[in-house]
Amino acid sequence: MKFSARYHVVTVGLSPDLKRVHPAFGRINRGDVSRQQLLTVLEVYRQLETDCSPADSHFLIEADSGRFVVRAAARQLTLLEQDASPPVPAVPVTAEQIIARLGRAQEISVTPKRPPTEPVWRSLATLVLICAGIGLVLHALKPVFVPERADPPAEITLVTDPAEVKTRQDAITGIFATGQRAGDRHLTVSAQGHVVFAELGPRQSLGSGADSYRIGRRDKQTCIVTTRSGVIEALNANTLVYSGDTYRRVN
């Protein structure tokens, strides 16, 4: 017999009928809902028009695959995995992509039957050979897994003062987009030193295009100096420019 997946849902800042957003509504336990019910309410949530901040409301969802937070801003949903390690910034997604991620079952490992015990000397020799081989492979692949940070352009100065770094970083942390149509691009700048590049539409994937960054400045203007993706200029706290495209804050 096949059972349909069900997810435990709690809403924060949403009215009982899911038609209004306000912090006064607080937490409401919605119980267990089916896949289709959750898909429907997430789509309703995405289309809500409100003057409230995106931080004033969200969905808390528990599934077999983990715990998740869903927010809405500018008719766009974002998904944050609470149990992800290391943490992954929230990225724009569709309701269908959220359902697909919730249904990704956790892997279950089964301990195989233990083989006969080998002599200690043979086990030690095998372990030494394996460690040596792993060491050689990691040394060869080090440039791939730990890319060298390229020096920023000459006109950009890296900010080293911790207080100034935090001030400039806090100002540009958030989600920025070129638009809300399929093919438009999104930038998610996290306060943990990561930036995620995504595209709205079928090719969009969770956590794809991630890069690390440092804070720099050109004269008084803040710059996001990434490890592999070049420089993102911050015209102000709500506008970024990257590769000739203008990204405006949506969250």
C-alpha atoms as a PDB file:
ATOM      1  CA  MET A   1       0.000   0.000   0.000  1.00  0.00           C
ATOM      2  CA  LYS A   2       1.379   3.434  -0.962  1.00  0.00           C
ATOM      3  CA  PHE A   3       1.045   6.338   1.494  1.00  0.00           C
ATOM      4  CA  SER A   4       1.223   9.967   0.395  1.00  0.00           C
ATOM      5  CA  ALA A   5       3.854  12.112   2.081  1.00  0.00           C
ATOM      6  CA  ARG A   6       2.703  14.432   4.867  1.00  0.00           C
ATOM      7  CA  TYR A   7       4.570  17.353   6.405  1.00  0.00           C
ATOM      8  CA  HIS A   8       4.160  19.100   9.763  1.00  0.00           C
ATOM      9  CA  VAL A   9       3.568  22.823   9.197  1.00  0.00           C
ATOM     10  CA  VAL A  10       3.633  25.850  11.514  1.00  0.00           C
ATOM     11  CA  THR A  11       2.993  29.365  10.219  1.00  0.00           C
ATOM     12  CA  VAL A  12       4.319  32.567  11.801  1.00  0.00           C
ATOM     13  CA  GLY A  13       2.708  35.952  11.121  1.00  0.00           C
ATOM     14  CA  LEU A  14      -0.074  34.558   8.903  1.00  0.00           C
ATOM     15  CA  SER A  15      -3.815  34.714   9.530  1.00  0.00           C
ATOM     16  CA  PRO A  16      -5.757  31.457  10.059  1.00  0.00           C
ATOM     17  CA  ASP A  17      -7.159  31.704   6.495  1.00  0.00           C
ATOM     18  CA  LEU A  18      -3.660  32.437   5.069  1.00  0.00           C
ATOM     19  CA  LYS A  19      -4.928  35.631   3.413  1.00  0.00           C
ATOM     20  CA  ARG A  20      -3.227  38.265   5.597  1.00  0.00           C
ATOM     21  CA  VAL A  21       0.277  38.906   6.913  1.00  0.00           C
ATOM     22  CA  HIS A  22       0.927  40.575  10.269  1.00  0.00           C
ATOM     23  CA  PRO A  23       3.256  39.754  13.203  1.00  0.00           C
ATOM     24  CA  ALA A  24       0.254  39.882  15.564  1.00  0.00           C
ATOM     25  CA  PHE A  25      -1.010  36.528  14.204  1.00  0.00           C
ATOM     26  CA  GLY A  26       1.991  34.820  15.846  1.00  0.00           C
ATOM     27  CA  ARG A  27       2.573  31.045  15.571  1.00  0.00           C
ATOM     28  CA  ILE A  28      -0.239  28.787  14.347  1.00  0.00           C
ATOM     29  CA  ASN A  29       0.221  25.009  14.321  1.00  0.00           C
ATOM     30  CA  ARG A  30      -1.347  23.754  11.077  1.00  0.00           C
ATOM     31  CA  GLY A  31      -0.678  20.086  11.859  1.00  0.00           C
ATOM     32  CA  ASP A  32       0.212  17.516   9.218  1.00  0.00           C
ATOM     33  CA  VAL A  33      -0.664  18.426   5.627  1.00  0.00           C
ATOM     34  CA  SER A  34      -0.400  16.463   2.410  1.00  0.00           C
ATOM     35  CA  ARG A  35       1.971  17.199  -0.451  1.00  0.00           C
ATOM     36  CA  GLN A  36      -0.802  18.721  -2.597  1.00  0.00           C
ATOM     37  CA  GLN A  37      -2.175  20.817   0.278  1.00  0.00           C
ATOM     38  CA  LEU A  38       1.282  22.218   1.025  1.00  0.00           C
ATOM     39  CA  LEU A  39       1.886  22.979  -2.642  1.00  0.00           C
ATOM     40  CA  THR A  40      -1.407  24.902  -2.785  1.00  0.00           C
ATOM     41  CA  VAL A  41      -0.848  26.983   0.379  1.00  0.00           C
ATOM     42  CA  LEU A  42       2.727  27.841  -0.597  1.00  0.00           C
ATOM     43  CA  GLU A  43       1.487  29.187  -3.919  1.00  0.00           C
ATOM     44  CA  VAL A  44      -1.182  31.242  -2.096  1.00  0.00           C
ATOM     45  CA  TYR A  45       1.503  32.549   0.272  1.00  0.00           C
ATOM     46  CA  ARG A  46       3.757  33.521  -2.652  1.00  0.00           C
ATOM     47  CA  GLN A  47       1.055  35.703  -4.227  1.00  0.00           C
ATOM     48  CA  LEU A  48       0.024  37.573  -1.050  1.00  0.00           C
ATOM     49  CA  GLU A  49       0.237  41.346  -1.312  1.00  0.00           C
ATOM     50  CA  THR A  50       1.305  43.031   1.916  1.00  0.00           C
ATOM     51  CA  ASP A  51       3.075  46.091   3.226  1.00  0.00           C
ATOM     52  CA  CYS A  52       4.774  44.029   5.942  1.00  0.00           C
ATOM     53  CA  SER A  53       8.450  43.090   5.858  1.00  0.00           C
ATOM     54  CA  PRO A  54       9.420  39.590   4.552  1.00  0.00           C
ATOM     55  CA  ALA A  55      10.811  38.971   8.048  1.00  0.00           C
ATOM     56  CA  ASP A  56       7.306  39.292   9.554  1.00  0.00           C
ATOM     57  CA  SER A  57       6.023  35.938   8.281  1.00  0.00           C
ATOM     58  CA  HIS A  58       7.273  32.481   7.350  1.00  0.00           C
ATOM     59  CA  PHE A  59       6.443  28.767   7.175  1.00  0.00           C
ATOM     60  CA  LEU A  60       8.185  26.230   9.455  1.00  0.00           C
ATOM     61  CA  ILE A  61       8.087  22.799   7.814  1.00  0.00           C
ATOM     62  CA  GLU A  62       9.262  19.476   9.262  1.00  0.00           C
ATOM     63  CA  ALA A  63       9.808  16.537   6.901  1.00  0.00           C
ATOM     64  CA  ASP A  64      11.709  13.253   6.998  1.00  0.00           C
ATOM     65  CA  SER A  65      14.477  15.055   5.096  1.00  0.00           C
ATOM     66  CA  GLY A  66      14.902  17.829   7.712  1.00  0.00           C
ATOM     67  CA  ARG A  67      13.544  21.166   8.969  1.00  0.00           C
ATOM     68  CA  PHE A  68      12.937  24.098   6.628  1.00  0.00           C
ATOM     69  CA  VAL A  69      11.931  27.782   6.663  1.00  0.00           C
ATOM     70  CA  VAL A  70      10.012  29.289   3.727  1.00  0.00           C
ATOM     71  CA  ARG A  71       9.581  33.060   3.288  1.00  0.00           C
ATOM     72  CA  ALA A  72       7.956  35.181   0.573  1.00  0.00           C
ATOM     73  CA  ALA A  73       9.028  38.517  -0.909  1.00  0.00           C
ATOM     74  CA  ALA A  74       8.097  40.244  -4.184  1.00  0.00           C
ATOM     75  CA  ARG A  75       6.025  37.190  -5.258  1.00  0.00           C
ATOM     76  CA  GLN A  76       9.070  34.925  -4.835  1.00  0.00           C
ATOM     77  CA  LEU A  77       9.573  32.101  -2.305  1.00  0.00           C
ATOM     78  CA  THR A  78      12.895  31.386  -0.599  1.00  0.00           C
ATOM     79  CA  LEU A  79      13.935  28.173   1.146  1.00  0.00           C
ATOM     80  CA  LEU A  80      16.342  27.823   4.086  1.00  0.00           C
ATOM     81  CA  GLU A  81      17.478  24.413   5.366  1.00  0.00           C
ATOM     82  CA  GLN A  82      17.794  24.650   9.158  1.00  0.00           C
ATOM     83  CA  ASP A  83      19.798  21.424   9.497  1.00  0.00           C
ATOM     84  CA  ALA A  84      22.257  22.067   6.649  1.00  0.00           C
ATOM     85  CA  SER A  85      25.932  21.789   7.629  1.00  0.00           C
ATOM     86  CA  PRO A  86      27.665  23.981   6.686  1.00  0.00           C
ATOM     87  CA  PRO A  87      24.771  26.507   6.560  1.00  0.00           C
ATOM     88  CA  VAL A  88      23.463  27.297   3.062  1.00  0.00           C
ATOM     89  CA  PRO A  89      21.994  30.762   2.387  1.00  0.00           C
ATOM     90  CA  ALA A  90      18.295  30.974   1.494  1.00  0.00           C
ATOM     91  CA  VAL A  91      17.784  31.008  -2.276  1.00  0.00           C
ATOM     92  CA  PRO A  92      14.788  31.799  -4.526  1.00  0.00           C
ATOM     93  CA  VAL A  93      12.757  28.692  -5.444  1.00  0.00           C
ATOM     94  CA  THR A  94       9.351  27.705  -6.773  1.00  0.00           C
ATOM     95  CA  ALA A  95       6.727  25.870  -4.716  1.00  0.00           C
ATOM     96  CA  GLU A  96       7.329  22.748  -6.827  1.00  0.00           C
ATOM     97  CA  GLN A  97      11.060  22.845  -6.057  1.00  0.00           C
ATOM     98  CA  ILE A  98      10.316  23.146  -2.334  1.00  0.00           C
ATOM     99  CA  ILE A  99       8.082  20.059  -2.448  1.00  0.00           C
ATOM    100  CA  ALA A 100      10.771  18.169  -4.372  1.00  0.00           C
ATOM    101  CA  ARG A 101      13.388  19.082  -1.752  1.00  0.00           C
ATOM    102  CA  LEU A 102      11.112  18.038   1.148  1.00  0.00           C
ATOM    103  CA  GLY A 103      10.584  14.658  -0.490  1.00  0.00           C
ATOM    104  CA  ARG A 104      14.285  13.903  -0.765  1.00  0.00           C
ATOM    105  CA  ALA A 105      14.534  11.031   1.731  1.00  0.00           C
ATOM    106  CA  GLN A 106      17.450  10.719   4.091  1.00  0.00           C
ATOM    107  CA  GLU A 107      19.812   7.900   3.265  1.00  0.00           C
ATOM    108  CA  ILE A 108      19.568   4.833   5.526  1.00  0.00           C
ATOM    109  CA  SER A 109      22.730   2.818   5.996  1.00  0.00           C
ATOM    110  CA  VAL A 110      22.716  -0.856   6.923  1.00  0.00           C
ATOM    111  CA  THR A 111      25.737  -2.303   8.716  1.00  0.00           C
ATOM    112  CA  PRO A 112      27.018  -5.275   6.693  1.00  0.00           C
ATOM    113  CA  LYS A 113      28.084  -8.534   8.252  1.00  0.00           C
ATOM    114  CA  ARG A 114      31.650  -8.286   9.524  1.00  0.00           C
ATOM    115  CA  PRO A 115      34.187 -10.316   7.508  1.00  0.00           C
ATOM    116  CA  PRO A 116      36.675 -12.641   9.221  1.00  0.00           C
ATOM    117  CA  THR A 117      39.314 -10.791  11.248  1.00  0.00           C
ATOM    118  CA  GLU A 118      42.623 -10.284   9.414  1.00  0.00           C
ATOM    119  CA  PRO A 119      46.016 -10.353  11.133  1.00  0.00           C
ATOM    120  CA  VAL A 120      46.888  -7.040  12.815  1.00  0.00           C
ATOM    121  CA  TRP A 121      50.060  -6.502  10.743  1.00  0.00           C
ATOM    122  CA  ARG A 122      48.120  -6.848   7.482  1.00  0.00           C
ATOM    123  CA  SER A 123      45.454  -4.374   8.610  1.00  0.00           C
ATOM    124  CA  LEU A 124      48.108  -1.830   9.636  1.00  0.00           C
ATOM    125  CA  ALA A 125      49.950  -2.186   6.318  1.00  0.00           C
ATOM    126  CA  THR A 126      46.722  -1.704   4.378  1.00  0.00           C
ATOM    127  CA  LEU A 127      45.824   1.359   6.446  1.00  0.00           C
ATOM    128  CA  VAL A 128      49.248   2.941   5.815  1.00  0.00           C
ATOM    129  CA  LEU A 129      48.942   2.382   2.065  1.00  0.00           C
ATOM    130  CA  ILE A 130      45.432   3.843   1.985  1.00  0.00           C
ATOM    131  CA  CYS A 131      46.467   6.940   3.969  1.00  0.00           C
ATOM    132  CA  ALA A 132      49.457   7.486   1.713  1.00  0.00           C
ATOM    133  CA  GLY A 133      47.265   7.216  -1.381  1.00  0.00           C
ATOM    134  CA  ILE A 134      44.674   9.631   0.015  1.00  0.00           C
ATOM    135  CA  GLY A 135      47.427  12.093   0.903  1.00  0.00           C
ATOM    136  CA  LEU A 136      48.796  12.047  -2.643  1.00  0.00           C
ATOM    137  CA  VAL A 137      45.328  12.510  -4.160  1.00  0.00           C
ATOM    138  CA  LEU A 138      44.443  15.408  -1.839  1.00  0.00           C
ATOM    139  CA  HIS A 139      47.766  17.097  -2.578  1.00  0.00           C
ATOM    140  CA  ALA A 140      47.111  16.832  -6.314  1.00  0.00           C
ATOM    141  CA  LEU A 141      43.527  18.120  -5.987  1.00  0.00           C
ATOM    142  CA  LYS A 142      44.242  20.901  -3.490  1.00  0.00           C
ATOM    143  CA  PRO A 143      44.040  23.667  -6.169  1.00  0.00           C
ATOM    144  CA  VAL A 144      40.557  22.369  -7.114  1.00  0.00           C
ATOM    145  CA  PHE A 145      39.045  22.162  -3.625  1.00  0.00           C
ATOM    146  CA  VAL A 146      40.840  25.204  -2.198  1.00  0.00           C
ATOM    147  CA  PRO A 147      41.191  27.685  -5.060  1.00  0.00           C
ATOM    148  CA  GLU A 148      43.695  30.449  -4.526  1.00  0.00           C
ATOM    149  CA  ARG A 149      42.157  33.831  -3.868  1.00  0.00           C
ATOM    150  CA  ALA A 150      42.964  36.145  -6.754  1.00  0.00           C
ATOM    151  CA  ASP A 151      44.186  39.623  -5.911  1.00  0.00           C
ATOM    152  CA  PRO A 152      41.489  42.287  -6.455  1.00  0.00           C
ATOM    153  CA  PRO A 153      41.944  44.923  -9.199  1.00  0.00           C
ATOM    154  CA  ALA A 154      44.460  47.633  -8.349  1.00  0.00           C
ATOM    155  CA  GLU A 155      41.778  50.271  -7.787  1.00  0.00           C
ATOM    156  CA  ILE A 156      40.029  48.149  -5.101  1.00  0.00           C
ATOM    157  CA  THR A 157      41.340  48.033  -1.528  1.00  0.00           C
ATOM    158  CA  LEU A 158      40.417  45.088   0.708  1.00  0.00           C
ATOM    159  CA  VAL A 159      38.855  46.191   4.011  1.00  0.00           C
ATOM    160  CA  THR A 160      40.731  44.759   7.007  1.00  0.00           C
ATOM    161  CA  ASP A 161      39.229  46.635   9.959  1.00  0.00           C
ATOM    162  CA  PRO A 162      36.685  44.208  11.557  1.00  0.00           C
ATOM    163  CA  ALA A 163      34.232  46.963  12.503  1.00  0.00           C
ATOM    164  CA  GLU A 164      34.256  48.459   8.993  1.00  0.00           C
ATOM    165  CA  VAL A 165      33.917  44.998   7.422  1.00  0.00           C
ATOM    166  CA  LYS A 166      30.812  44.266   9.544  1.00  0.00           C
ATOM    167  CA  THR A 167      29.218  47.658   8.783  1.00  0.00           C
ATOM    168  CA  ARG A 168      29.698  47.300   5.036  1.00  0.00           C
ATOM    169  CA  GLN A 169      28.695  43.612   5.058  1.00  0.00           C
ATOM    170  CA  ASP A 170      25.491  44.232   7.039  1.00  0.00           C
ATOM    171  CA  ALA A 171      24.477  46.875   4.487  1.00  0.00           C
ATOM    172  CA  ILE A 172      24.681  44.518   1.471  1.00  0.00           C
ATOM    173  CA  THR A 173      23.447  41.236   3.021  1.00  0.00           C
ATOM    174  CA  GLY A 174      20.227  39.990   1.371  1.00  0.00           C
ATOM    175  CA  ILE A 175      18.661  38.805  -1.894  1.00  0.00           C
ATOM    176  CA  PHE A 176      18.989  40.878  -5.075  1.00  0.00           C
ATOM    177  CA  ALA A 177      17.475  40.213  -8.520  1.00  0.00           C
ATOM    178  CA  THR A 178      17.480  41.589 -12.064  1.00  0.00           C
ATOM    179  CA  GLY A 179      13.733  40.900 -12.290  1.00  0.00           C
ATOM    180  CA  GLN A 180      11.026  38.356 -11.513  1.00  0.00           C
ATOM    181  CA  ARG A 181      10.642  36.598 -14.882  1.00  0.00           C
ATOM    182  CA  ALA A 182      12.079  33.287 -16.052  1.00  0.00           C
ATOM    183  CA  GLY A 183      15.698  33.831 -17.004  1.00  0.00           C
ATOM    184  CA  ASP A 184      16.251  36.716 -14.580  1.00  0.00           C
ATOM    185  CA  ARG A 185      19.184  36.273 -12.249  1.00  0.00           C
ATOM    186  CA  HIS A 186      19.409  36.379  -8.449  1.00  0.00           C
ATOM    187  CA  LEU A 187      22.277  37.086  -6.065  1.00  0.00           C
ATOM    188  CA  THR A 188      22.079  36.007  -2.418  1.00  0.00           C
ATOM    189  CA  VAL A 189      24.734  37.675  -0.252  1.00  0.00           C
ATOM    190  CA  SER A 190      25.128  36.048   3.184  1.00  0.00           C
ATOM    191  CA  ALA A 191      26.651  37.512   6.320  1.00  0.00           C
ATOM    192  CA  GLN A 192      28.899  34.428   6.549  1.00  0.00           C
ATOM    193  CA  GLY A 193      31.015  35.451   3.546  1.00  0.00           C
ATOM    194  CA  HIS A 194      29.203  33.506   0.804  1.00  0.00           C
ATOM    195  CA  VAL A 195      27.372  34.638  -2.327  1.00  0.00           C
ATOM    196  CA  VAL A 196      25.008  32.377  -4.290  1.00  0.00           C
ATOM    197  CA  PHE A 197      24.199  32.905  -7.967  1.00  0.00           C
ATOM    198  CA  ALA A 198      20.859  31.569  -9.242  1.00  0.00           C
ATOM    199  CA  GLU A 199      18.543  31.915 -12.216  1.00  0.00           C
ATOM    200  CA  LEU A 200      14.747  32.087 -12.036  1.00  0.00           C
ATOM    201  CA  GLY A 201      13.160  29.317 -14.094  1.00  0.00           C
ATOM    202  CA  PRO A 202      13.529  25.573 -14.839  1.00  0.00           C
ATOM    203  CA  ARG A 203      17.346  25.663 -14.639  1.00  0.00           C
ATOM    204  CA  GLN A 204      17.342  27.129 -11.130  1.00  0.00           C
ATOM    205  CA  SER A 205      18.762  24.750  -8.525  1.00  0.00           C
ATOM    206  CA  LEU A 206      19.217  24.961  -4.752  1.00  0.00           C
ATOM    207  CA  GLY A 207      22.611  26.226  -3.660  1.00  0.00           C
ATOM    208  CA  SER A 208      24.128  26.220  -7.194  1.00  0.00           C
ATOM    209  CA  GLY A 209      26.762  28.749  -8.167  1.00  0.00           C
ATOM    210  CA  ALA A 210      28.047  29.397  -4.630  1.00  0.00           C
ATOM    211  CA  ASP A 211      31.241  31.401  -4.078  1.00  0.00           C
ATOM    212  CA  SER A 212      33.041  33.052  -1.148  1.00  0.00           C
ATOM    213  CA  TYR A 213      33.828  36.747  -0.932  1.00  0.00           C
ATOM    214  CA  ARG A 214      35.747  39.465   0.889  1.00  0.00           C
ATOM    215  CA  ILE A 215      34.726  43.076   1.451  1.00  0.00           C
ATOM    216  CA  GLY A 216      36.615  45.739  -0.492  1.00  0.00           C
ATOM    217  CA  ARG A 217      36.112  49.368  -1.430  1.00  0.00           C
ATOM    218  CA  ARG A 218      36.764  51.601  -4.411  1.00  0.00           C
ATOM    219  CA  ASP A 219      37.126  55.077  -2.902  1.00  0.00           C
ATOM    220  CA  LYS A 220      34.102  55.046  -0.534  1.00  0.00           C
ATOM    221  CA  GLN A 221      32.017  52.528  -2.514  1.00  0.00           C
ATOM    222  CA  THR A 222      31.654  48.962  -1.174  1.00  0.00           C
ATOM    223  CA  CYS A 223      32.752  46.096  -3.436  1.00  0.00           C
ATOM    224  CA  ILE A 224      32.144  42.344  -3.033  1.00  0.00           C
ATOM    225  CA  VAL A 225      35.379  40.643  -4.102  1.00  0.00           C
ATOM    226  CA  THR A 226      34.575  36.966  -4.841  1.00  0.00           C
ATOM    227  CA  THR A 227      37.090  34.140  -5.037  1.00  0.00           C
ATOM    228  CA  ARG A 228      36.194  32.956  -8.547  1.00  0.00           C
ATOM    229  CA  SER A 229      33.431  35.187  -9.934  1.00  0.00           C
ATOM    230  CA  GLY A 230      34.999  38.635 -10.065  1.00  0.00           C
ATOM    231  CA  VAL A 231      33.817  41.824  -8.395  1.00  0.00           C
ATOM    232  CA  ILE A 232      30.245  42.839  -7.503  1.00  0.00           C
ATOM    233  CA  GLU A 233      29.823  46.584  -7.005  1.00  0.00           C
ATOM    234  CA  ALA A 234      27.390  47.949  -4.394  1.00  0.00           C
ATOM    235  CA  LEU A 235      26.016  51.273  -5.649  1.00  0.00           C
ATOM    236  CA  ASN A 236      24.052  51.460  -2.400  1.00  0.00           C
ATOM    237  CA  ALA A 237      22.415  49.104   0.133  1.00  0.00           C
ATOM    238  CA  ASN A 238      19.638  48.234  -2.352  1.00  0.00           C
ATOM    239  CA  THR A 239      21.487  48.078  -5.694  1.00  0.00           C
ATOM    240  CA  LEU A 240      24.306  45.813  -6.900  1.00  0.00           C
ATOM    241  CA  VAL A 241      26.001  45.744 -10.320  1.00  0.00           C
ATOM    242  CA  TYR A 242      27.597  42.548 -11.645  1.00  0.00           C
ATOM    243  CA  SER A 243      28.811  41.814 -15.178  1.00  0.00           C
ATOM    244  CA  GLY A 244      26.968  44.879 -16.493  1.00  0.00           C
ATOM    245  CA  ASP A 245      23.602  43.839 -14.972  1.00  0.00           C
ATOM    246  CA  THR A 246      21.800  45.756 -12.216  1.00  0.00           C
ATOM    247  CA  TYR A 247      20.424  43.742  -9.289  1.00  0.00           C
ATOM    248  CA  ARG A 248      17.882  45.345  -6.942  1.00  0.00           C
ATOM    249  CA  ARG A 249      17.068  44.193  -3.399  1.00  0.00           C
ATOM    250  CA  VAL A 250      14.018  41.929  -3.002  1.00  0.00           C
ATOM    251  CA  ASN A 251      14.729  40.860   0.600  1.00  0.00           C
END
